[in-house]
Amino acid sequence: MTENVGLTTPRGSGTSGYVQRNLSHLRPRDNIQPYSKDTDSIRHRQRQPDQEILEHDRKREIEVKVFELRDRLEDEGVDEDEIDDKCEALRKDLTSKQRPGDGGGPNARKLKSHQVHELAKAKIEESEKLRRALGISKDYEEGSHWKRQEERKVQREREVANGSEGRDKGAERERDDGRKRGRDED
């Protein structure tokens, strides 16, 4: 046994008695918090879709349809020049129907979970539609109503404090005037 570590004797233990350090043990960190506790600084930012990926997917959809037409025409035994002409006409037709950057208007129900950019675009469009329906301005900031309400409350308190001082002074003047009138009447 070395330095009081391990077994006094390896007999009957089923081991050789060799002692190793546990390399899988992780030491706890010094109170490191990965996220800030300040909830005011955390703002919701909606994931913005990558326009290049959306454009690539739009072009890919067009090319898939063109390839399907080409494959069908080749199976029918159509001449190669005629196939090229029909494919080019279909490509121009599909390109003219879809506006650049439109992507055909993604419908979130038809999208798969791996189509994150299309899902993000659909979510933004849905949020925009809801914002317009509810009449919310584009520059609306979450919680701004409560901030304005608090500012109004503080302003009213100031006015009341200023107004009550004015009323107190006015009441004193009225009392003084009443006293003077009383003296004048005597």
N, C-alpha and C. Protein backbone atom coordinates (compact mmCIF):
# COMPACT_ATOMS: atom_id res chain seq x y z
N MET A 1 0.84 -1.17 0.00
CA MET A 1 0.00 0.00 0.00
C MET A 1 0.89 1.24 0.00
N THR A 2 0.51 2.22 -0.81
CA THR A 2 1.32 3.41 -0.95
C THR A 2 0.57 4.61 -0.38
N GLU A 3 1.13 5.28 0.57
CA GLU A 3 0.61 6.51 1.15
C GLU A 3 -0.84 6.37 1.61
N ASN A 4 -1.19 5.26 2.21
CA ASN A 4 -2.53 5.01 2.74
C ASN A 4 -3.63 5.13 1.70
N VAL A 5 -3.35 4.83 0.48
CA VAL A 5 -4.34 4.87 -0.58
C VAL A 5 -4.55 3.45 -1.07
N GLY A 6 -5.80 3.08 -1.26
CA GLY A 6 -6.11 1.77 -1.81
C GLY A 6 -6.30 0.73 -0.73
N LEU A 7 -6.16 -0.52 -1.09
CA LEU A 7 -6.39 -1.64 -0.18
C LEU A 7 -5.10 -1.97 0.58
N THR A 8 -5.29 -2.52 1.77
CA THR A 8 -4.10 -2.95 2.51
C THR A 8 -3.47 -4.15 1.82
N THR A 9 -4.35 -5.01 1.29
CA THR A 9 -3.85 -6.14 0.51
C THR A 9 -4.83 -6.40 -0.60
N PRO A 10 -4.35 -6.73 -1.80
CA PRO A 10 -5.26 -6.97 -2.91
C PRO A 10 -5.90 -8.36 -2.87
N ARG A 11 -5.49 -9.21 -1.88
CA ARG A 11 -6.04 -10.56 -1.83
C ARG A 11 -7.54 -10.55 -1.58
N GLY A 12 -8.25 -11.28 -2.38
CA GLY A 12 -9.68 -11.45 -2.22
C GLY A 12 -10.51 -10.29 -2.74
N SER A 13 -9.90 -9.26 -3.29
CA SER A 13 -10.66 -8.09 -3.76
C SER A 13 -11.00 -8.20 -5.24
N GLY A 14 -10.35 -9.09 -5.92
CA GLY A 14 -10.60 -9.23 -7.36
C GLY A 14 -9.88 -8.18 -8.16
N THR A 15 -8.96 -7.45 -7.55
CA THR A 15 -8.21 -6.42 -8.26
C THR A 15 -6.72 -6.69 -8.10
N SER A 16 -5.95 -5.96 -8.86
CA SER A 16 -4.50 -6.10 -8.75
C SER A 16 -3.96 -5.23 -7.62
N GLY A 17 -4.79 -4.35 -7.10
CA GLY A 17 -4.34 -3.46 -6.05
C GLY A 17 -3.78 -2.15 -6.57
N TYR A 18 -3.70 -2.00 -7.90
CA TYR A 18 -3.17 -0.78 -8.48
C TYR A 18 -4.23 0.33 -8.36
N VAL A 19 -3.87 1.47 -7.84
CA VAL A 19 -4.80 2.58 -7.62
C VAL A 19 -4.60 3.64 -8.70
N GLN A 20 -5.74 4.05 -9.33
CA GLN A 20 -5.69 5.10 -10.35
C GLN A 20 -6.52 6.29 -9.93
N ARG A 21 -6.19 7.42 -10.46
CA ARG A 21 -6.96 8.62 -10.21
C ARG A 21 -8.22 8.60 -11.07
N ASN A 22 -9.35 9.11 -10.55
CA ASN A 22 -10.59 9.18 -11.30
C ASN A 22 -10.54 10.38 -12.24
N LEU A 23 -10.33 10.13 -13.52
CA LEU A 23 -10.20 11.20 -14.50
C LEU A 23 -11.56 11.74 -14.96
N SER A 24 -12.64 11.04 -14.65
CA SER A 24 -13.96 11.50 -15.08
C SER A 24 -14.61 12.43 -14.07
N HIS A 25 -14.00 12.63 -12.93
CA HIS A 25 -14.57 13.51 -11.92
C HIS A 25 -14.41 14.97 -12.34
N LEU A 26 -15.53 15.70 -12.35
CA LEU A 26 -15.50 17.12 -12.71
C LEU A 26 -15.62 17.95 -11.43
N ARG A 27 -14.75 18.89 -11.28
CA ARG A 27 -14.81 19.76 -10.12
C ARG A 27 -15.87 20.83 -10.35
N PRO A 28 -16.60 21.21 -9.32
CA PRO A 28 -17.61 22.26 -9.51
C PRO A 28 -16.95 23.61 -9.80
N ARG A 29 -17.63 24.39 -10.63
CA ARG A 29 -17.10 25.71 -11.00
C ARG A 29 -17.41 26.73 -9.91
N ASP A 30 -16.77 27.86 -10.01
CA ASP A 30 -16.96 28.93 -9.04
C ASP A 30 -18.17 29.78 -9.41
N ASN A 31 -19.36 29.38 -9.04
CA ASN A 31 -20.59 30.16 -9.20
C ASN A 31 -20.70 30.91 -10.53
N ILE A 32 -20.35 30.28 -11.61
CA ILE A 32 -20.47 30.91 -12.91
C ILE A 32 -21.89 30.67 -13.42
N GLN A 33 -22.61 31.76 -13.71
CA GLN A 33 -23.97 31.65 -14.21
C GLN A 33 -23.96 31.99 -15.69
N PRO A 34 -24.45 31.08 -16.51
CA PRO A 34 -24.37 31.31 -17.96
C PRO A 34 -25.30 32.41 -18.45
N TYR A 35 -26.39 32.69 -17.71
CA TYR A 35 -27.34 33.68 -18.17
C TYR A 35 -27.48 34.78 -17.12
N SER A 36 -27.69 35.98 -17.59
CA SER A 36 -27.84 37.11 -16.68
C SER A 36 -29.20 37.04 -16.00
N LYS A 37 -29.26 37.47 -14.76
CA LYS A 37 -30.51 37.46 -14.00
C LYS A 37 -31.33 38.71 -14.26
N ASP A 38 -30.78 39.69 -14.96
CA ASP A 38 -31.47 40.93 -15.26
C ASP A 38 -32.44 40.71 -16.41
N THR A 39 -33.73 40.62 -16.09
CA THR A 39 -34.73 40.31 -17.12
C THR A 39 -35.05 41.53 -17.98
N ASP A 40 -34.76 42.75 -17.50
CA ASP A 40 -35.03 43.94 -18.31
C ASP A 40 -34.10 44.02 -19.51
N SER A 41 -32.87 43.51 -19.36
CA SER A 41 -31.91 43.60 -20.46
C SER A 41 -32.17 42.55 -21.53
N ILE A 42 -32.92 41.52 -21.18
CA ILE A 42 -33.20 40.46 -22.15
C ILE A 42 -34.42 40.86 -22.96
N ARG A 43 -34.24 41.06 -24.23
CA ARG A 43 -35.33 41.41 -25.14
C ARG A 43 -35.56 40.26 -26.09
N HIS A 44 -36.82 40.08 -26.44
CA HIS A 44 -37.14 39.02 -27.40
C HIS A 44 -36.70 39.47 -28.79
N ARG A 45 -35.87 38.67 -29.38
CA ARG A 45 -35.45 38.95 -30.74
C ARG A 45 -35.89 37.79 -31.60
N GLN A 46 -36.69 38.09 -32.58
CA GLN A 46 -37.19 37.04 -33.45
C GLN A 46 -36.09 36.64 -34.42
N ARG A 47 -35.95 35.35 -34.62
CA ARG A 47 -34.92 34.85 -35.52
C ARG A 47 -35.20 35.32 -36.94
N GLN A 48 -34.21 35.95 -37.54
CA GLN A 48 -34.34 36.46 -38.90
C GLN A 48 -33.87 35.39 -39.88
N PRO A 49 -34.66 35.12 -40.91
CA PRO A 49 -34.25 34.11 -41.89
C PRO A 49 -33.13 34.62 -42.77
N ASP A 50 -32.30 33.71 -43.23
CA ASP A 50 -31.20 34.05 -44.13
C ASP A 50 -31.77 34.13 -45.55
N GLN A 51 -31.72 35.32 -46.14
CA GLN A 51 -32.32 35.54 -47.45
C GLN A 51 -31.64 34.73 -48.55
N GLU A 52 -30.34 34.50 -48.41
CA GLU A 52 -29.63 33.72 -49.42
C GLU A 52 -30.12 32.28 -49.43
N ILE A 53 -30.37 31.73 -48.26
CA ILE A 53 -30.87 30.35 -48.18
C ILE A 53 -32.29 30.28 -48.75
N LEU A 54 -33.12 31.27 -48.43
CA LEU A 54 -34.48 31.29 -48.97
C LEU A 54 -34.47 31.39 -50.49
N GLU A 55 -33.57 32.23 -51.01
CA GLU A 55 -33.45 32.38 -52.46
C GLU A 55 -32.96 31.07 -53.10
N HIS A 56 -32.01 30.43 -52.44
CA HIS A 56 -31.50 29.15 -52.94
C HIS A 56 -32.62 28.11 -52.99
N ASP A 57 -33.43 28.04 -51.92
CA ASP A 57 -34.53 27.07 -51.88
C ASP A 57 -35.57 27.37 -52.96
N ARG A 58 -35.82 28.67 -53.20
CA ARG A 58 -36.78 29.05 -54.24
C ARG A 58 -36.29 28.60 -55.61
N LYS A 59 -35.01 28.84 -55.88
CA LYS A 59 -34.44 28.40 -57.17
C LYS A 59 -34.41 26.88 -57.27
N ARG A 60 -34.16 26.23 -56.14
CA ARG A 60 -34.10 24.77 -56.14
C ARG A 60 -35.46 24.16 -56.47
N GLU A 61 -36.54 24.77 -55.95
CA GLU A 61 -37.90 24.30 -56.26
C GLU A 61 -38.16 24.37 -57.76
N ILE A 62 -37.74 25.48 -58.36
CA ILE A 62 -37.92 25.66 -59.80
C ILE A 62 -37.15 24.60 -60.56
N GLU A 63 -35.89 24.38 -60.19
CA GLU A 63 -35.07 23.41 -60.90
C GLU A 63 -35.59 21.98 -60.72
N VAL A 64 -36.18 21.68 -59.57
CA VAL A 64 -36.75 20.34 -59.37
C VAL A 64 -37.90 20.13 -60.34
N LYS A 65 -38.76 21.14 -60.51
CA LYS A 65 -39.89 21.02 -61.44
C LYS A 65 -39.39 20.90 -62.88
N VAL A 66 -38.34 21.65 -63.21
CA VAL A 66 -37.76 21.58 -64.56
C VAL A 66 -37.17 20.19 -64.79
N PHE A 67 -36.48 19.66 -63.79
CA PHE A 67 -35.89 18.33 -63.93
C PHE A 67 -36.96 17.26 -64.08
N GLU A 68 -38.07 17.40 -63.34
CA GLU A 68 -39.16 16.43 -63.47
C GLU A 68 -39.74 16.45 -64.89
N LEU A 69 -39.90 17.66 -65.46
CA LEU A 69 -40.38 17.77 -66.83
C LEU A 69 -39.39 17.14 -67.80
N ARG A 70 -38.10 17.44 -67.59
CA ARG A 70 -37.07 16.88 -68.48
C ARG A 70 -37.08 15.35 -68.42
N ASP A 71 -37.19 14.80 -67.21
CA ASP A 71 -37.20 13.35 -67.04
C ASP A 71 -38.41 12.72 -67.74
N ARG A 72 -39.57 13.36 -67.59
CA ARG A 72 -40.79 12.84 -68.20
C ARG A 72 -40.68 12.88 -69.74
N LEU A 73 -40.14 14.00 -70.25
CA LEU A 73 -40.01 14.12 -71.70
C LEU A 73 -38.98 13.14 -72.26
N GLU A 74 -37.91 12.90 -71.52
CA GLU A 74 -36.91 11.92 -71.98
C GLU A 74 -37.50 10.52 -72.01
N ASP A 75 -38.35 10.20 -71.02
CA ASP A 75 -38.99 8.89 -71.02
C ASP A 75 -39.94 8.72 -72.19
N GLU A 76 -40.54 9.83 -72.63
CA GLU A 76 -41.46 9.79 -73.77
C GLU A 76 -40.70 9.74 -75.10
N GLY A 77 -39.39 10.01 -75.07
CA GLY A 77 -38.58 9.92 -76.28
C GLY A 77 -38.62 11.17 -77.13
N VAL A 78 -38.81 12.32 -76.52
CA VAL A 78 -38.86 13.60 -77.25
C VAL A 78 -37.42 14.01 -77.61
N ASP A 79 -37.29 14.76 -78.72
CA ASP A 79 -35.99 15.23 -79.20
C ASP A 79 -35.31 16.13 -78.16
N GLU A 80 -33.97 16.07 -78.07
CA GLU A 80 -33.19 16.80 -77.06
C GLU A 80 -33.36 18.31 -77.18
N ASP A 81 -33.39 18.84 -78.40
CA ASP A 81 -33.56 20.30 -78.58
C ASP A 81 -34.94 20.75 -78.10
N GLU A 82 -35.94 19.95 -78.38
CA GLU A 82 -37.30 20.28 -77.95
C GLU A 82 -37.41 20.21 -76.42
N ILE A 83 -36.73 19.24 -75.81
CA ILE A 83 -36.72 19.13 -74.35
C ILE A 83 -36.10 20.38 -73.74
N ASP A 84 -34.97 20.82 -74.30
CA ASP A 84 -34.29 22.01 -73.78
C ASP A 84 -35.19 23.24 -73.90
N ASP A 85 -35.87 23.38 -75.05
CA ASP A 85 -36.76 24.53 -75.25
C ASP A 85 -37.91 24.52 -74.24
N LYS A 86 -38.55 23.36 -74.03
CA LYS A 86 -39.67 23.27 -73.09
C LYS A 86 -39.20 23.50 -71.65
N CYS A 87 -38.04 22.98 -71.31
CA CYS A 87 -37.50 23.17 -69.95
C CYS A 87 -37.19 24.65 -69.71
N GLU A 88 -36.60 25.30 -70.71
CA GLU A 88 -36.28 26.72 -70.57
C GLU A 88 -37.55 27.56 -70.46
N ALA A 89 -38.58 27.19 -71.22
CA ALA A 89 -39.85 27.92 -71.15
C ALA A 89 -40.49 27.75 -69.76
N LEU A 90 -40.45 26.53 -69.23
CA LEU A 90 -41.00 26.27 -67.90
C LEU A 90 -40.22 27.04 -66.83
N ARG A 91 -38.90 27.06 -66.97
CA ARG A 91 -38.05 27.77 -66.00
C ARG A 91 -38.39 29.27 -66.00
N LYS A 92 -38.54 29.88 -67.20
CA LYS A 92 -38.89 31.30 -67.29
C LYS A 92 -40.28 31.56 -66.71
N ASP A 93 -41.21 30.66 -67.00
CA ASP A 93 -42.58 30.81 -66.50
C ASP A 93 -42.62 30.77 -64.97
N LEU A 94 -41.93 29.78 -64.39
CA LEU A 94 -41.92 29.65 -62.93
C LEU A 94 -41.19 30.81 -62.26
N THR A 95 -40.12 31.28 -62.89
CA THR A 95 -39.36 32.41 -62.34
C THR A 95 -40.19 33.68 -62.36
N SER A 96 -40.96 33.87 -63.44
CA SER A 96 -41.78 35.08 -63.53
C SER A 96 -42.95 35.04 -62.54
N LYS A 97 -43.44 33.85 -62.22
CA LYS A 97 -44.55 33.73 -61.26
C LYS A 97 -44.11 34.05 -59.84
N GLN A 98 -42.87 33.67 -59.50
CA GLN A 98 -42.36 33.92 -58.16
C GLN A 98 -41.54 35.19 -58.16
N ARG A 99 -41.88 36.11 -57.26
CA ARG A 99 -41.09 37.33 -57.12
C ARG A 99 -39.81 36.99 -56.37
N PRO A 100 -38.73 37.67 -56.66
CA PRO A 100 -37.50 37.43 -55.91
C PRO A 100 -37.70 37.78 -54.44
N GLY A 101 -37.21 36.91 -53.57
CA GLY A 101 -37.33 37.13 -52.14
C GLY A 101 -38.65 36.70 -51.58
N ASP A 102 -39.60 36.32 -52.45
CA ASP A 102 -40.92 35.91 -51.98
C ASP A 102 -40.89 34.48 -51.47
N GLY A 103 -40.24 33.61 -52.21
CA GLY A 103 -40.15 32.21 -51.79
C GLY A 103 -41.46 31.48 -51.91
N GLY A 104 -42.43 32.08 -52.61
CA GLY A 104 -43.70 31.40 -52.78
C GLY A 104 -44.59 31.52 -51.56
N GLY A 105 -44.24 32.35 -50.59
CA GLY A 105 -45.05 32.53 -49.40
C GLY A 105 -45.14 31.27 -48.58
N PRO A 106 -44.17 31.02 -47.72
CA PRO A 106 -44.16 29.76 -46.98
C PRO A 106 -45.37 29.63 -46.08
N ASN A 107 -45.94 28.45 -46.08
CA ASN A 107 -47.04 28.13 -45.19
C ASN A 107 -46.47 27.24 -44.10
N ALA A 108 -46.54 27.66 -42.86
CA ALA A 108 -45.89 26.95 -41.76
C ALA A 108 -46.40 25.52 -41.60
N ARG A 109 -47.61 25.28 -42.03
CA ARG A 109 -48.17 23.92 -41.88
C ARG A 109 -47.50 22.93 -42.82
N LYS A 110 -47.05 23.41 -43.97
CA LYS A 110 -46.44 22.52 -44.96
C LYS A 110 -44.95 22.34 -44.74
N LEU A 111 -44.36 23.13 -43.87
CA LEU A 111 -42.91 23.09 -43.69
C LEU A 111 -42.50 22.01 -42.70
N LYS A 112 -41.31 21.52 -42.90
CA LYS A 112 -40.73 20.52 -42.01
C LYS A 112 -39.91 21.21 -40.94
N SER A 113 -39.59 20.50 -39.87
CA SER A 113 -38.86 21.10 -38.76
C SER A 113 -37.43 21.50 -39.14
N HIS A 114 -36.85 20.88 -40.16
CA HIS A 114 -35.48 21.22 -40.55
C HIS A 114 -35.43 22.47 -41.43
N GLN A 115 -36.57 22.98 -41.87
CA GLN A 115 -36.61 24.18 -42.70
C GLN A 115 -36.72 25.42 -41.81
N VAL A 116 -35.68 25.67 -41.03
CA VAL A 116 -35.73 26.70 -40.01
C VAL A 116 -35.88 28.11 -40.60
N HIS A 117 -35.28 28.39 -41.73
CA HIS A 117 -35.36 29.73 -42.32
C HIS A 117 -36.75 29.98 -42.87
N GLU A 118 -37.35 28.98 -43.48
CA GLU A 118 -38.71 29.12 -43.98
C GLU A 118 -39.68 29.26 -42.82
N LEU A 119 -39.46 28.51 -41.75
CA LEU A 119 -40.31 28.62 -40.56
C LEU A 119 -40.19 30.02 -39.94
N ALA A 120 -38.97 30.54 -39.89
CA ALA A 120 -38.77 31.88 -39.33
C ALA A 120 -39.47 32.93 -40.17
N LYS A 121 -39.39 32.79 -41.49
CA LYS A 121 -40.06 33.74 -42.38
C LYS A 121 -41.57 33.65 -42.22
N ALA A 122 -42.10 32.44 -42.12
CA ALA A 122 -43.53 32.25 -41.93
C ALA A 122 -43.97 32.85 -40.60
N LYS A 123 -43.17 32.70 -39.56
CA LYS A 123 -43.50 33.25 -38.25
C LYS A 123 -43.51 34.77 -38.28
N ILE A 124 -42.54 35.36 -38.97
CA ILE A 124 -42.49 36.82 -39.09
C ILE A 124 -43.72 37.34 -39.84
N GLU A 125 -44.08 36.66 -40.93
CA GLU A 125 -45.26 37.06 -41.69
C GLU A 125 -46.53 36.94 -40.84
N GLU A 126 -46.61 35.86 -40.07
CA GLU A 126 -47.77 35.66 -39.20
C GLU A 126 -47.84 36.75 -38.12
N SER A 127 -46.70 37.08 -37.53
CA SER A 127 -46.65 38.12 -36.51
C SER A 127 -47.02 39.48 -37.09
N GLU A 128 -46.55 39.75 -38.30
CA GLU A 128 -46.86 41.01 -38.97
C GLU A 128 -48.36 41.11 -39.26
N LYS A 129 -48.93 40.02 -39.70
CA LYS A 129 -50.37 39.98 -39.99
C LYS A 129 -51.18 40.22 -38.71
N LEU A 130 -50.78 39.60 -37.64
CA LEU A 130 -51.46 39.76 -36.35
C LEU A 130 -51.29 41.19 -35.84
N ARG A 131 -50.09 41.76 -35.99
CA ARG A 131 -49.83 43.13 -35.55
C ARG A 131 -50.74 44.10 -36.28
N ARG A 132 -50.88 43.92 -37.61
CA ARG A 132 -51.75 44.79 -38.39
C ARG A 132 -53.21 44.61 -37.98
N ALA A 133 -53.62 43.36 -37.73
CA ALA A 133 -55.01 43.09 -37.34
C ALA A 133 -55.35 43.73 -36.00
N LEU A 134 -54.40 43.74 -35.08
CA LEU A 134 -54.65 44.32 -33.76
C LEU A 134 -54.37 45.81 -33.72
N GLY A 135 -53.81 46.36 -34.79
CA GLY A 135 -53.54 47.79 -34.84
C GLY A 135 -52.36 48.22 -33.98
N ILE A 136 -51.36 47.37 -33.86
CA ILE A 136 -50.18 47.68 -33.06
C ILE A 136 -49.16 48.34 -33.97
N SER A 137 -48.56 49.44 -33.51
CA SER A 137 -47.59 50.16 -34.34
C SER A 137 -46.30 49.36 -34.48
N LYS A 138 -45.55 49.66 -35.53
CA LYS A 138 -44.30 48.94 -35.79
C LYS A 138 -43.24 49.23 -34.75
N ASP A 139 -43.27 50.44 -34.18
CA ASP A 139 -42.24 50.82 -33.22
C ASP A 139 -42.65 50.51 -31.78
N TYR A 140 -43.66 49.67 -31.60
CA TYR A 140 -44.13 49.32 -30.26
C TYR A 140 -43.03 48.57 -29.51
N GLU A 141 -42.82 48.96 -28.27
CA GLU A 141 -41.84 48.30 -27.42
C GLU A 141 -42.59 47.61 -26.29
N GLU A 142 -42.25 46.35 -26.05
CA GLU A 142 -42.95 45.58 -25.03
C GLU A 142 -42.79 46.24 -23.67
N GLY A 143 -43.91 46.44 -22.96
CA GLY A 143 -43.89 47.05 -21.65
C GLY A 143 -43.92 48.57 -21.67
N SER A 144 -43.98 49.17 -22.86
CA SER A 144 -43.97 50.63 -22.94
C SER A 144 -45.22 51.24 -22.32
N HIS A 145 -46.34 50.52 -22.36
CA HIS A 145 -47.57 51.02 -21.75
C HIS A 145 -47.38 51.24 -20.26
N TRP A 146 -46.72 50.29 -19.62
CA TRP A 146 -46.53 50.40 -18.18
C TRP A 146 -45.58 51.54 -17.84
N LYS A 147 -44.58 51.75 -18.69
CA LYS A 147 -43.66 52.86 -18.46
C LYS A 147 -44.39 54.19 -18.58
N ARG A 148 -45.22 54.34 -19.61
CA ARG A 148 -45.99 55.58 -19.79
C ARG A 148 -46.95 55.79 -18.63
N GLN A 149 -47.57 54.70 -18.19
CA GLN A 149 -48.50 54.81 -17.08
C GLN A 149 -47.78 55.26 -15.81
N GLU A 150 -46.59 54.74 -15.58
CA GLU A 150 -45.80 55.14 -14.42
C GLU A 150 -45.40 56.61 -14.52
N GLU A 151 -45.02 57.05 -15.74
CA GLU A 151 -44.65 58.46 -15.93
C GLU A 151 -45.84 59.37 -15.65
N ARG A 152 -47.04 58.98 -16.12
CA ARG A 152 -48.24 59.77 -15.86
C ARG A 152 -48.52 59.86 -14.36
N LYS A 153 -48.35 58.75 -13.67
CA LYS A 153 -48.59 58.72 -12.23
C LYS A 153 -47.65 59.67 -11.50
N VAL A 154 -46.37 59.64 -11.87
CA VAL A 154 -45.38 60.53 -11.26
C VAL A 154 -45.74 61.98 -11.58
N GLN A 155 -46.16 62.25 -12.81
CA GLN A 155 -46.52 63.61 -13.21
C GLN A 155 -47.73 64.09 -12.41
N ARG A 156 -48.75 63.23 -12.24
CA ARG A 156 -49.92 63.60 -11.45
C ARG A 156 -49.54 63.89 -10.01
N GLU A 157 -48.63 63.07 -9.45
CA GLU A 157 -48.18 63.31 -8.08
C GLU A 157 -47.49 64.65 -7.95
N ARG A 158 -46.70 65.01 -8.96
CA ARG A 158 -46.05 66.32 -8.95
C ARG A 158 -47.08 67.44 -9.01
N GLU A 159 -48.07 67.26 -9.92
CA GLU A 159 -49.11 68.27 -10.05
C GLU A 159 -49.89 68.41 -8.76
N VAL A 160 -50.22 67.31 -8.12
CA VAL A 160 -50.96 67.35 -6.87
C VAL A 160 -50.14 68.04 -5.80
N ALA A 161 -48.84 67.70 -5.74
CA ALA A 161 -47.97 68.33 -4.76
C ALA A 161 -47.88 69.84 -5.02
N ASN A 162 -47.73 70.23 -6.27
CA ASN A 162 -47.68 71.65 -6.62
C ASN A 162 -49.03 72.31 -6.43
N GLY A 163 -50.09 71.61 -6.80
CA GLY A 163 -51.45 72.13 -6.67
C GLY A 163 -51.86 72.26 -5.22
N SER A 164 -51.48 71.31 -4.37
CA SER A 164 -51.87 71.39 -2.95
C SER A 164 -51.14 72.53 -2.28
N GLU A 165 -49.91 72.79 -2.67
CA GLU A 165 -49.20 73.95 -2.13
C GLU A 165 -49.91 75.22 -2.54
N GLY A 166 -50.34 75.27 -3.78
CA GLY A 166 -51.08 76.43 -4.27
C GLY A 166 -52.41 76.58 -3.55
N ARG A 167 -53.09 75.44 -3.32
CA ARG A 167 -54.37 75.49 -2.61
C ARG A 167 -54.17 75.93 -1.17
N ASP A 168 -53.11 75.45 -0.53
CA ASP A 168 -52.83 75.84 0.84
C ASP A 168 -52.60 77.35 0.92
N LYS A 169 -51.83 77.86 -0.03
CA LYS A 169 -51.57 79.30 -0.05
C LYS A 169 -52.86 80.06 -0.33
N GLY A 170 -53.68 79.54 -1.22
CA GLY A 170 -54.96 80.17 -1.54
C GLY A 170 -55.89 80.16 -0.34
N ALA A 171 -55.91 79.05 0.39
CA ALA A 171 -56.76 78.96 1.58
C ALA A 171 -56.29 79.96 2.63
N GLU A 172 -55.00 80.10 2.78
CA GLU A 172 -54.45 81.07 3.73
C GLU A 172 -54.86 82.48 3.33
N ARG A 173 -54.82 82.76 2.04
CA ARG A 173 -55.21 84.09 1.57
C ARG A 173 -56.69 84.35 1.87
N GLU A 174 -57.53 83.33 1.63
CA GLU A 174 -58.95 83.48 1.90
C GLU A 174 -59.19 83.74 3.38
N ARG A 175 -58.48 83.01 4.24
CA ARG A 175 -58.63 83.21 5.67
C ARG A 175 -58.20 84.63 6.07
N ASP A 176 -57.08 85.04 5.50
CA ASP A 176 -56.59 86.39 5.80
C ASP A 176 -57.60 87.44 5.32
N ASP A 177 -58.14 87.21 4.11
CA ASP A 177 -59.13 88.16 3.58
C ASP A 177 -60.37 88.18 4.46
N GLY A 178 -60.79 87.03 4.93
CA GLY A 178 -61.97 86.94 5.80
C GLY A 178 -61.73 87.66 7.12
N ARG A 179 -60.54 87.52 7.64
CA ARG A 179 -60.21 88.19 8.89
C ARG A 179 -60.23 89.72 8.70
N LYS A 180 -59.65 90.13 7.56
CA LYS A 180 -59.62 91.56 7.28
C LYS A 180 -61.04 92.10 7.13
N ARG A 181 -61.91 91.33 6.46
CA ARG A 181 -63.29 91.76 6.25
C ARG A 181 -64.00 91.87 7.60
N GLY A 182 -63.70 90.85 8.44
CA GLY A 182 -64.33 90.87 9.77
C GLY A 182 -63.92 92.08 10.57
N ARG A 183 -62.70 92.46 10.46
CA ARG A 183 -62.21 93.62 11.18
C ARG A 183 -62.81 94.92 10.60
N ASP A 184 -62.95 94.92 9.27
CA ASP A 184 -63.50 96.09 8.62
C ASP A 184 -64.97 96.29 8.99
N GLU A 185 -65.69 95.18 9.16
CA GLU A 185 -67.10 95.26 9.49
C GLU A 185 -67.30 95.75 10.92
N ASP A 186 -66.37 95.48 11.81
CA ASP A 186 -66.51 95.88 13.22
C ASP A 186 -66.36 97.32 13.36
